[in-house]
Protein backbone atom coordinates (compact mmCIF):
# COMPACT_ATOMS: atom_id res chain seq x y z
CA MET A 1 4.31 -9.34 0.33
CA THR A 2 2.12 -6.44 -0.88
CA LYS A 3 -0.07 -7.32 -3.83
CA PRO A 4 0.46 -5.33 -7.07
CA PHE A 5 -1.86 -2.36 -7.36
CA LYS A 6 -4.89 -2.92 -9.58
CA THR A 7 -6.04 -0.13 -11.86
CA PRO A 8 -9.72 0.85 -11.80
CA SER A 9 -10.45 -1.22 -14.91
CA SER A 10 -9.14 -4.31 -13.21
CA PHE A 11 -11.20 -3.48 -10.16
CA ARG A 12 -14.27 -3.52 -12.31
CA SER A 13 -13.31 -6.78 -13.93
CA SER A 14 -12.79 -8.33 -10.49
CA TYR A 15 -16.39 -7.71 -9.43
CA PRO A 16 -19.82 -8.16 -11.04
CA SER A 17 -20.68 -5.52 -13.61
CA SER A 18 -23.71 -4.45 -11.60
CA PHE A 19 -22.43 -2.77 -8.47
CA GLY A 20 -26.03 -2.23 -7.36
CA THR A 21 -26.42 -6.01 -7.25
CA LEU A 22 -23.10 -6.34 -5.49
CA THR A 23 -24.09 -3.75 -2.93
CA ARG A 24 -27.32 -5.61 -2.18
CA ARG A 25 -25.47 -8.88 -1.86
CA ALA A 26 -23.00 -7.19 0.47
CA ALA A 27 -25.74 -5.83 2.72
CA LEU A 28 -26.08 -8.92 4.91
CA PRO A 29 -22.34 -9.36 5.55
CA LEU A 30 -22.10 -5.61 6.13
CA VAL A 31 -24.69 -5.82 8.91
CA ALA A 32 -22.73 -8.70 10.41
CA ALA A 33 -19.47 -6.81 10.10
CA LEU A 34 -20.94 -3.79 11.82
CA ALA A 35 -22.26 -5.93 14.65
CA LEU A 36 -18.91 -7.66 15.11
CA ALA A 37 -17.15 -4.31 15.02
CA GLY A 38 -19.29 -3.13 17.92
CA CYS A 39 -21.11 -0.54 15.87
CA GLY A 40 -24.09 -0.58 18.16
CA SER A 41 -27.71 -1.54 17.73
CA LEU A 42 -28.45 -2.07 14.06
CA GLY A 43 -31.38 -0.35 12.49
CA THR A 44 -31.70 2.34 15.14
CA THR A 45 -32.72 5.78 13.99
CA SER A 46 -31.78 7.84 17.03
CA LYS A 47 -28.44 8.53 18.61
CA PRO A 48 -27.27 6.10 21.31
CA ALA A 49 -27.51 7.45 24.83
CA GLY A 50 -24.77 10.03 25.22
CA GLY A 51 -23.73 9.57 21.59
CA ALA A 52 -22.50 12.90 20.29
CA ASP A 53 -21.73 13.63 16.64
CA ILE A 54 -18.58 12.04 15.23
CA HIS A 55 -16.37 14.58 13.46
CA VAL A 56 -14.35 13.37 10.47
CA MET A 57 -11.74 15.14 8.37
CA THR A 58 -11.00 13.36 5.09
CA SER A 59 -8.78 14.15 2.14
CA GLY A 60 -9.87 13.80 -1.47
CA GLY A 61 -8.36 10.41 -2.20
CA PHE A 62 -10.85 8.61 0.07
CA THR A 63 -13.76 11.04 -0.28
CA ALA A 64 -15.86 9.18 -2.87
CA ALA A 65 -15.67 5.90 -0.95
CA TYR A 66 -16.30 7.64 2.36
CA ASN A 67 -19.36 9.48 1.03
CA ASP A 68 -20.84 6.18 -0.15
CA LEU A 69 -20.12 4.35 3.11
CA ARG A 70 -21.02 7.00 5.69
CA PRO A 71 -24.84 6.81 5.35
CA GLU A 72 -24.90 3.08 6.18
CA PHE A 73 -22.81 3.67 9.29
CA GLU A 74 -25.19 6.43 10.39
CA ARG A 75 -28.26 4.26 9.76
CA SER A 76 -26.78 1.25 11.52
CA THR A 77 -25.51 3.04 14.61
CA GLY A 78 -27.86 5.98 14.97
CA ARG A 79 -24.84 8.26 15.15
CA SER A 80 -24.53 11.43 13.10
CA VAL A 81 -21.22 11.98 11.31
CA LYS A 82 -20.09 15.52 10.50
CA THR A 83 -17.48 15.87 7.78
CA ALA A 84 -14.83 18.40 6.81
CA TYR A 85 -12.87 17.97 3.57
CA GLY A 86 -9.34 19.07 2.80
CA ALA A 87 -5.97 18.15 1.37
CA SER A 88 -3.64 15.74 3.18
CA MET A 89 -0.85 18.28 3.27
CA GLY A 90 0.00 21.88 2.55
CA ASN A 91 -1.02 25.16 4.13
CA ALA A 92 -4.24 25.86 2.24
CA GLU A 93 -6.87 27.20 4.61
CA ASP A 94 -9.01 24.06 4.28
CA SER A 95 -6.20 21.47 4.36
CA ILE A 96 -6.39 18.95 7.17
CA PRO A 97 -3.19 20.19 8.86
CA SER A 98 -4.55 23.75 8.77
CA ARG A 99 -7.92 22.66 10.18
CA LEU A 100 -6.25 20.81 13.04
CA ALA A 101 -3.96 23.77 13.71
CA ARG A 102 -7.12 25.88 14.18
CA ASN A 103 -8.44 23.26 16.60
CA GLU A 104 -11.48 22.44 14.48
CA PRO A 105 -13.37 19.49 16.00
CA ALA A 106 -12.05 16.11 14.85
CA ASP A 107 -12.42 12.53 15.99
CA VAL A 108 -11.23 10.69 12.87
CA VAL A 109 -8.78 11.95 10.26
CA ILE A 110 -8.34 10.17 6.91
CA LEU A 111 -5.42 11.17 4.71
CA ALA A 112 -2.23 10.00 3.00
CA ARG A 113 -0.22 7.81 5.38
CA PRO A 114 2.96 9.95 5.37
CA ALA A 115 0.90 13.02 6.25
CA LEU A 116 -0.95 11.07 8.96
CA ASP A 117 2.33 9.92 10.49
CA ALA A 118 3.52 13.54 10.46
CA LEU A 119 0.43 14.50 12.46
CA VAL A 120 1.23 11.73 14.96
CA ALA A 121 4.72 13.18 15.35
CA GLU A 122 3.19 16.62 15.93
CA GLY A 123 0.88 15.26 18.64
CA LYS A 124 -2.27 15.85 16.60
CA VAL A 125 -3.14 12.13 16.16
CA VAL A 126 -3.02 9.32 18.75
CA PRO A 127 0.11 7.16 18.26
CA GLY A 128 -0.73 3.61 17.23
CA SER A 129 -4.25 4.52 16.09
CA GLN A 130 -3.32 4.54 12.39
CA VAL A 131 -5.19 2.01 10.19
CA ASP A 132 -4.37 1.68 6.49
CA LEU A 133 -7.60 1.73 4.44
CA VAL A 134 -6.74 1.80 0.72
CA ARG A 135 -4.05 2.07 -1.93
CA SER A 136 -4.57 4.81 -4.50
CA ALA A 137 -2.97 5.35 -7.92
CA ILE A 138 -2.48 8.56 -9.92
CA GLY A 139 -4.19 9.13 -13.27
CA PHE A 140 -4.93 11.72 -15.94
CA ALA A 141 -8.09 13.23 -17.40
CA VAL A 142 -9.13 15.61 -20.19
CA ARG A 143 -12.24 17.67 -20.76
CA LYS A 144 -15.19 15.55 -21.86
CA GLY A 145 -15.13 14.96 -25.60
CA ALA A 146 -11.55 16.15 -26.06
CA PRO A 147 -9.06 13.83 -27.80
CA LYS A 148 -7.50 11.39 -25.34
CA PRO A 149 -3.71 11.57 -25.54
CA ASP A 150 -1.54 8.47 -25.18
CA ILE A 151 -0.02 7.92 -21.73
CA SER A 152 0.31 4.14 -21.98
CA THR A 153 4.13 4.15 -21.87
CA VAL A 154 6.75 6.40 -20.33
CA ASP A 155 7.78 7.73 -23.74
CA ALA A 156 4.16 8.40 -24.69
CA LEU A 157 3.58 10.17 -21.37
CA LYS A 158 6.59 12.42 -21.98
CA ARG A 159 5.32 13.35 -25.45
CA THR A 160 1.84 14.07 -24.09
CA LEU A 161 3.10 16.30 -21.28
CA ILE A 162 5.38 18.23 -23.63
CA ALA A 163 2.55 18.72 -26.15
CA ALA A 164 -0.13 19.73 -23.61
CA PRO A 165 -0.78 23.50 -23.60
CA SER A 166 -1.64 23.48 -19.87
CA ILE A 167 -1.63 20.96 -17.03
CA ALA A 168 -3.39 21.08 -13.65
CA TYR A 169 -2.19 19.11 -10.64
CA SER A 170 -3.30 18.89 -7.03
CA ALA A 171 -1.81 20.50 -3.94
CA SER A 172 -1.79 17.16 -2.15
CA ALA A 173 0.04 13.81 -2.47
CA SER A 174 -0.25 13.29 -6.23
CA GLY A 175 0.67 16.89 -7.01
CA THR A 176 3.66 16.85 -4.69
CA TYR A 177 4.96 13.78 -6.51
CA TYR A 178 4.37 15.39 -9.92
CA GLU A 179 6.02 18.67 -8.97
CA THR A 180 9.03 17.37 -7.04
CA GLU A 181 9.79 13.96 -8.56
CA LEU A 182 7.92 12.89 -11.70
CA LEU A 183 8.96 15.70 -14.03
CA LYS A 184 12.58 15.34 -12.94
CA LYS A 185 12.42 11.57 -13.43
CA LEU A 186 11.06 12.09 -16.96
CA GLY A 187 13.73 14.70 -17.73
CA ILE A 188 11.19 17.31 -18.88
CA GLU A 189 10.88 19.61 -15.87
CA ASP A 190 12.13 22.75 -17.66
CA GLN A 191 9.71 22.23 -20.55
CA VAL A 192 6.61 21.25 -18.60
CA LYS A 193 6.65 22.85 -15.16
CA PRO A 194 6.14 26.45 -16.39
CA LYS A 195 2.80 25.49 -17.97
CA SER A 196 1.66 23.43 -14.96
CA LYS A 197 -0.65 24.92 -12.34
CA ARG A 198 -1.00 23.73 -8.74
CA ILE A 199 -4.67 23.69 -7.74
CA LEU A 200 -5.65 24.69 -4.20
CA SER A 201 -8.97 23.86 -2.51
CA GLU A 202 -10.60 22.45 -5.66
CA ARG A 203 -10.65 19.16 -7.53
CA VAL A 204 -8.34 19.08 -10.53
CA GLY A 205 -11.14 17.49 -12.56
CA SER A 206 -13.34 20.53 -12.03
CA VAL A 207 -10.62 22.79 -13.43
CA VAL A 208 -10.28 20.53 -16.49
CA ALA A 209 -14.06 20.34 -16.96
CA ARG A 210 -14.23 24.16 -17.16
CA GLY A 211 -11.53 24.19 -19.80
CA ASP A 212 -9.04 25.99 -17.56
CA ALA A 213 -6.48 23.23 -18.14
CA ALA A 214 -6.08 20.83 -21.05
CA LEU A 215 -4.80 17.96 -18.93
CA GLY A 216 -5.31 17.11 -15.26
CA LEU A 217 -3.40 14.83 -12.90
CA GLN A 218 -4.76 13.59 -9.57
CA GLN A 219 -5.57 10.42 -7.61
CA VAL A 220 -7.80 8.24 -9.82
CA SER A 221 -10.48 8.15 -7.09
CA GLU A 222 -10.66 11.96 -7.19
CA LEU A 223 -11.03 12.14 -10.97
CA LEU A 224 -13.67 9.45 -11.53
CA PRO A 225 -16.60 11.23 -9.79
CA ILE A 226 -16.17 14.53 -11.66
CA ALA A 227 -18.72 15.33 -14.37
CA GLY A 228 -17.49 16.96 -17.54
CA ILE A 229 -14.20 15.08 -17.90
CA ASP A 230 -12.99 11.85 -19.51
CA TYR A 231 -10.61 9.71 -17.51
CA ILE A 232 -7.65 8.64 -19.65
CA GLY A 233 -5.93 6.12 -17.43
CA PRO A 234 -3.24 5.71 -14.76
CA LEU A 235 0.40 6.67 -14.96
CA PRO A 236 2.57 3.93 -16.49
CA ALA A 237 3.70 1.40 -13.89
CA GLU A 238 7.35 2.44 -14.18
CA VAL A 239 6.58 5.96 -12.91
CA GLN A 240 3.39 5.32 -10.92
CA ARG A 241 3.26 6.45 -7.30
CA VAL A 242 0.76 4.52 -5.19
CA THR A 243 -0.35 6.29 -2.02
CA VAL A 244 -1.78 4.55 1.03
CA PHE A 245 -4.65 6.46 2.63
CA SER A 246 -5.12 5.75 6.31
CA ALA A 247 -7.33 6.70 9.23
CA GLY A 248 -6.31 7.77 12.72
CA ILE A 249 -7.89 9.11 15.89
CA ALA A 250 -7.39 12.79 16.59
CA SER A 251 -5.64 13.49 19.90
CA ALA A 252 -8.34 16.04 20.74
CA SER A 253 -11.17 13.59 20.02
CA LYS A 254 -14.09 13.74 22.41
CA GLN A 255 -15.42 10.44 21.02
CA PRO A 256 -12.42 8.06 20.78
CA ASP A 257 -14.49 4.89 21.13
CA ALA A 258 -16.89 6.04 18.40
CA ALA A 259 -13.87 6.99 16.27
CA ARG A 260 -12.49 3.42 16.58
CA GLN A 261 -15.95 2.10 15.71
CA LEU A 262 -16.08 4.12 12.50
CA ILE A 263 -12.54 3.16 11.49
CA ARG A 264 -13.34 -0.55 12.00
CA TYR A 265 -16.37 -0.13 9.76
CA LEU A 266 -14.38 1.58 6.98
CA ASN A 267 -11.82 -1.24 7.19
CA SER A 268 -14.39 -4.08 7.28
CA PRO A 269 -14.50 -6.74 4.51
CA ALA A 270 -18.07 -5.82 3.61
CA ALA A 271 -17.01 -2.23 2.84
CA ALA A 272 -14.46 -3.42 0.26
CA PRO A 273 -16.78 -3.62 -2.80
CA THR A 274 -17.98 -0.04 -2.28
CA ILE A 275 -14.40 1.14 -1.90
CA ALA A 276 -13.21 -0.74 -4.99
CA LYS A 277 -15.79 0.77 -7.32
CA THR A 278 -14.41 4.26 -6.59
CA GLY A 279 -11.03 3.35 -8.09
CA LEU A 280 -9.22 2.35 -4.89
CA GLU A 281 -7.69 -0.93 -3.72
CA PRO A 282 -9.16 -1.84 -0.31
CA LEU A 283 -6.72 -2.87 2.41
CA THR A 284 -9.31 -4.82 4.34
CA ALA A 285 -8.69 -6.04 7.88
CA ARG A 286 -8.27 -9.82 8.02
C-alpha cells in the first residue's frame, strides 16, 4: 500500500532541523551507497577511462533535488554531468519532448511518470528502464510580504481563487491538472479560468515574485527555491494531485551503463534526506 503523501512541513518535522548536520551524517552511507551502486572509484577527480559526459534532461519538479545531488555524483565518480531543463510535457521549445524530438543528446530523462511512459511508447525511452524517484504535491505561493490567503479547505480555496485578481500556473503536470480538472471539480471554471495565465519556459514563482500574478500554483518543490515569494501551502487533500517523477534511459543514449549508475544514485537511501528537504517524498529503492 502506498504511504500517504507528506507535505513539506511534515518532511521537515521528520528530520533534524539542521539539514547541514543531516547531510554530514548522511555522507558516510552515501559513499557506501555509491560504491554498492557501482558508481566507480570514489574520490576520483578525473573521468574514468572512456567515460564521456552523461547528458540529463530533467523537469522542474525534481530540479532542486537533482541540483543538490549532482555534484556529489560527479565528485564520487569523476564523471561530468551535463543538464538540460524543461517541462515534462507540452510543445514549448525547451520542453523535454521537444528536446528529444530535436535529437538533443540525452542519457537520462527525469519527468512526470505519465509523460515518461508516453516517451517509452514513442520509442524515445528504453522500455523497462523507468524508476520512480519521488512523489510531488501541488501548492500555492504569493509575492513576498503579500497577505497569505486561506487555502486550508476546499471552500476556502474556492473563495481564494475567485477573489484573486490574477493566477499563474505551469505548462506542465500541475498546470494541466489545474486547467483541465481542478477548476471543473471546484465548479468555478467560468469565473477563474479567464484570469489564469499558463506560464511557458519559466517558473511560476518567478512570475509571482515580479508581481505579474497575484497567486501562483505549481509543484511545491518548484516554488520553495524561488526568492521573492512566500509559500502558502499545499492544495487541500480532497483536491490534491500527487505526481510521481521518474527517471528513464533515453533510447539514443550513448552511455546506458552510466545512465543506470546515475539513476541508482538518485534512488539510493542516502539521497533521501537531500530529496526530502526540497519538498518531495523520496521513493527510495529497498
